[in-house]
Amino acid sequence: MQIQLTAPKIWLASEAVDFRCGVNRLSGYVINQLNQSMEDQLFIFYNRAKNKVKCLARHRHGMILLYKQLHKKKFTLKHDATGLIALDDKQLSWLLAGLDWVAMSDLPEPNYDDYF
C-alpha cells in the first residue's frame, strides 16, 4: 500500500515533543506555542529517540494523526531556532522513508543534456 501525504505547507518541528501527546495537545502546541493555524498545513513531530514521528493535519471536519516508527534506524532531523522547518513533498517522502532527506536535499538536480 502506498500513502502519499501532501499539503500546501509542510512543517517539521525542530524540537522533540512528548510522544504521549495526542491530537488535542499537539494541535494546541501548534496554535499556542508555534503560533500557526491548522488550516492547509501538515505538522511533523518526533520523539527524543528520533525513531518515531507523528504527522498532524486538519482534514475537512476533523483532525488526522499519523504515526510512524522505524525499527532499526533513526529519522534524520534538522534543528532550527525558529521552531519549524519547511519541507516540500519530496523531502517529506524521503523523511518518512527513513532516508537522509537533509543530505538528499543538497544534491543537485541531474542534468541529462550531455547524453542526448
C-alpha atoms as a PDB file:
ATOM      1  CA  MET A   1       0.000   0.000   0.000  1.00  0.00           C
ATOM      2  CA  GLN A   2       1.302   3.440  -0.902  1.00  0.00           C
ATOM      3  CA  ILE A   3       0.194   6.523   1.000  1.00  0.00           C
ATOM      4  CA  GLN A   4       1.095   9.980  -0.192  1.00  0.00           C
ATOM      5  CA  LEU A   5       0.913  12.909   2.189  1.00  0.00           C
ATOM      6  CA  THR A   6       0.847  16.435   0.881  1.00  0.00           C
ATOM      7  CA  ALA A   7      -0.230  19.884   1.967  1.00  0.00           C
ATOM      8  CA  PRO A   8       0.320  23.431   0.748  1.00  0.00           C
ATOM      9  CA  LYS A   9       2.654  23.938   3.725  1.00  0.00           C
ATOM     10  CA  ILE A  10       4.605  21.155   5.452  1.00  0.00           C
ATOM     11  CA  TRP A  11       6.404  21.879   8.708  1.00  0.00           C
ATOM     12  CA  LEU A  12       8.840  19.812  10.765  1.00  0.00           C
ATOM     13  CA  ALA A  13       9.079  20.749  14.445  1.00  0.00           C
ATOM     14  CA  SER A  14      12.691  21.495  15.308  1.00  0.00           C
ATOM     15  CA  GLU A  15      12.465  20.047  18.837  1.00  0.00           C
ATOM     16  CA  ALA A  16      11.304  16.695  20.158  1.00  0.00           C
ATOM     17  CA  VAL A  17       7.861  16.525  21.767  1.00  0.00           C
ATOM     18  CA  ASP A  18       6.350  14.319  24.450  1.00  0.00           C
ATOM     19  CA  PHE A  19       5.003  11.393  22.456  1.00  0.00           C
ATOM     20  CA  ARG A  20       2.191  10.789  24.918  1.00  0.00           C
ATOM     21  CA  CYS A  21       0.563  13.839  23.289  1.00  0.00           C
ATOM     22  CA  GLY A  22      -2.443  13.152  21.134  1.00  0.00           C
ATOM     23  CA  VAL A  23      -4.387  15.245  18.650  1.00  0.00           C
ATOM     24  CA  ASN A  24      -5.631  17.822  21.161  1.00  0.00           C
ATOM     25  CA  ARG A  25      -2.296  18.553  22.851  1.00  0.00           C
ATOM     26  CA  LEU A  26      -0.354  18.612  19.559  1.00  0.00           C
ATOM     27  CA  SER A  27      -2.852  20.931  17.878  1.00  0.00           C
ATOM     28  CA  GLY A  28      -2.781  23.125  20.994  1.00  0.00           C
ATOM     29  CA  TYR A  29       1.010  23.193  20.742  1.00  0.00           C
ATOM     30  CA  VAL A  30       0.779  24.267  17.085  1.00  0.00           C
ATOM     31  CA  ILE A  31      -1.663  27.067  17.851  1.00  0.00           C
ATOM     32  CA  ASN A  32      -0.295  28.322  21.203  1.00  0.00           C
ATOM     33  CA  GLN A  33       3.462  27.660  21.046  1.00  0.00           C
ATOM     34  CA  LEU A  34       4.186  27.815  17.316  1.00  0.00           C
ATOM     35  CA  ASN A  35       1.561  30.496  16.582  1.00  0.00           C
ATOM     36  CA  GLN A  36       0.335  28.661  13.495  1.00  0.00           C
ATOM     37  CA  SER A  37      -3.096  27.881  12.115  1.00  0.00           C
ATOM     38  CA  MET A  38      -4.051  24.284  11.358  1.00  0.00           C
ATOM     39  CA  GLU A  39      -5.591  25.269   8.002  1.00  0.00           C
ATOM     40  CA  ASP A  40      -3.870  23.801   4.920  1.00  0.00           C
ATOM     41  CA  GLN A  41      -0.777  22.761   6.848  1.00  0.00           C
ATOM     42  CA  LEU A  42       0.852  19.481   7.862  1.00  0.00           C
ATOM     43  CA  PHE A  43       2.980  19.336  11.009  1.00  0.00           C
ATOM     44  CA  ILE A  44       5.542  16.630  11.748  1.00  0.00           C
ATOM     45  CA  PHE A  45       6.700  15.920  15.296  1.00  0.00           C
ATOM     46  CA  TYR A  46       9.328  13.470  16.541  1.00  0.00           C
ATOM     47  CA  ASN A  47      10.303  11.833  19.828  1.00  0.00           C
ATOM     48  CA  ARG A  48      13.613  12.200  21.702  1.00  0.00           C
ATOM     49  CA  ALA A  49      14.919   8.858  20.432  1.00  0.00           C
ATOM     50  CA  LYS A  50      14.237  10.064  16.854  1.00  0.00           C
ATOM     51  CA  ASN A  51      12.750   6.736  15.820  1.00  0.00           C
ATOM     52  CA  LYS A  52       9.096   7.840  15.795  1.00  0.00           C
ATOM     53  CA  VAL A  53       7.211  10.636  14.052  1.00  0.00           C
ATOM     54  CA  LYS A  54       3.647  11.890  14.221  1.00  0.00           C
ATOM     55  CA  CYS A  55       2.056  13.843  11.373  1.00  0.00           C
ATOM     56  CA  LEU A  56      -0.816  16.133  12.281  1.00  0.00           C
ATOM     57  CA  ALA A  57      -3.190  17.843   9.844  1.00  0.00           C
ATOM     58  CA  ARG A  58      -6.703  19.135   9.627  1.00  0.00           C
ATOM     59  CA  HIS A  59      -8.887  17.312   7.123  1.00  0.00           C
ATOM     60  CA  ARG A  60     -12.362  18.602   6.306  1.00  0.00           C
ATOM     61  CA  HIS A  61     -14.281  18.442   9.598  1.00  0.00           C
ATOM     62  CA  GLY A  62     -11.681  16.822  11.810  1.00  0.00           C
ATOM     63  CA  MET A  63      -8.056  16.100  12.559  1.00  0.00           C
ATOM     64  CA  ILE A  64      -5.741  13.368  11.284  1.00  0.00           C
ATOM     65  CA  LEU A  65      -2.841  11.996  13.305  1.00  0.00           C
ATOM     66  CA  LEU A  66      -0.486   9.558  11.566  1.00  0.00           C
ATOM     67  CA  TYR A  67       2.235   7.691  13.420  1.00  0.00           C
ATOM     68  CA  LYS A  68       5.340   6.034  12.005  1.00  0.00           C
ATOM     69  CA  GLN A  69       8.051   4.124  13.847  1.00  0.00           C
ATOM     70  CA  LEU A  70      11.369   2.947  12.425  1.00  0.00           C
ATOM     71  CA  HIS A  71      12.511  -0.375  13.879  1.00  0.00           C
ATOM     72  CA  LYS A  72      16.257  -0.253  13.176  1.00  0.00           C
ATOM     73  CA  LYS A  73      17.114   3.288  12.154  1.00  0.00           C
ATOM     74  CA  LYS A  74      16.564   6.846  13.326  1.00  0.00           C
ATOM     75  CA  PHE A  75      14.939   9.645  11.378  1.00  0.00           C
ATOM     76  CA  THR A  76      17.299  12.296  10.044  1.00  0.00           C
ATOM     77  CA  LEU A  77      16.190  15.564  11.567  1.00  0.00           C
ATOM     78  CA  LYS A  78      17.335  19.140  11.357  1.00  0.00           C
ATOM     79  CA  HIS A  79      17.365  21.663  14.203  1.00  0.00           C
ATOM     80  CA  ASP A  80      16.438  25.309  13.824  1.00  0.00           C
ATOM     81  CA  ALA A  81      15.961  28.025  16.431  1.00  0.00           C
ATOM     82  CA  THR A  82      12.737  29.232  14.788  1.00  0.00           C
ATOM     83  CA  GLY A  83      10.793  26.165  15.911  1.00  0.00           C
ATOM     84  CA  LEU A  84       9.673  24.998  12.457  1.00  0.00           C
ATOM     85  CA  ILE A  85      11.469  23.819   9.331  1.00  0.00           C
ATOM     86  CA  ALA A  86       9.694  23.993   5.971  1.00  0.00           C
ATOM     87  CA  LEU A  87       9.693  20.826   3.869  1.00  0.00           C
ATOM     88  CA  ASP A  88       8.431  20.119   0.374  1.00  0.00           C
ATOM     89  CA  ASP A  89       6.623  16.970  -0.797  1.00  0.00           C
ATOM     90  CA  LYS A  90       9.860  15.220  -1.821  1.00  0.00           C
ATOM     91  CA  GLN A  91      11.591  15.936   1.469  1.00  0.00           C
ATOM     92  CA  LEU A  92       8.576  14.664   3.401  1.00  0.00           C
ATOM     93  CA  SER A  93       8.576  11.468   1.359  1.00  0.00           C
ATOM     94  CA  TRP A  94      12.290  10.945   1.993  1.00  0.00           C
ATOM     95  CA  LEU A  95      11.877  11.669   5.717  1.00  0.00           C
ATOM     96  CA  LEU A  96       9.036   9.166   6.112  1.00  0.00           C
ATOM     97  CA  ALA A  97      11.026   6.555   4.160  1.00  0.00           C
ATOM     98  CA  GLY A  98      13.788   6.867   6.752  1.00  0.00           C
ATOM     99  CA  LEU A  99      16.239   8.421   4.273  1.00  0.00           C
ATOM    100  CA  ASP A 100      18.643  11.273   4.949  1.00  0.00           C
ATOM    101  CA  TRP A 101      16.415  13.982   3.475  1.00  0.00           C
ATOM    102  CA  VAL A 102      18.807  16.747   4.569  1.00  0.00           C
ATOM    103  CA  ALA A 103      21.703  15.359   2.502  1.00  0.00           C
ATOM    104  CA  MET A 104      19.401  14.430  -0.387  1.00  0.00           C
ATOM    105  CA  SER A 105      18.022  17.988  -0.482  1.00  0.00           C
ATOM    106  CA  ASP A 106      21.522  19.347  -1.104  1.00  0.00           C
ATOM    107  CA  LEU A 107      22.153  17.144  -4.136  1.00  0.00           C
ATOM    108  CA  PRO A 108      21.991  18.961  -7.478  1.00  0.00           C
ATOM    109  CA  GLU A 109      19.265  18.018  -9.914  1.00  0.00           C
ATOM    110  CA  PRO A 110      20.654  15.608 -12.517  1.00  0.00           C
ATOM    111  CA  ASN A 111      21.258  17.135 -15.920  1.00  0.00           C
ATOM    112  CA  TYR A 112      20.933  14.674 -18.785  1.00  0.00           C
ATOM    113  CA  ASP A 113      21.531  17.177 -21.618  1.00  0.00           C
ATOM    114  CA  ASP A 114      25.006  15.756 -22.263  1.00  0.00           C
ATOM    115  CA  TYR A 115      23.622  12.314 -23.069  1.00  0.00           C
ATOM    116  CA  PHE A 116      21.339  13.229 -25.937  1.00  0.00           C
END
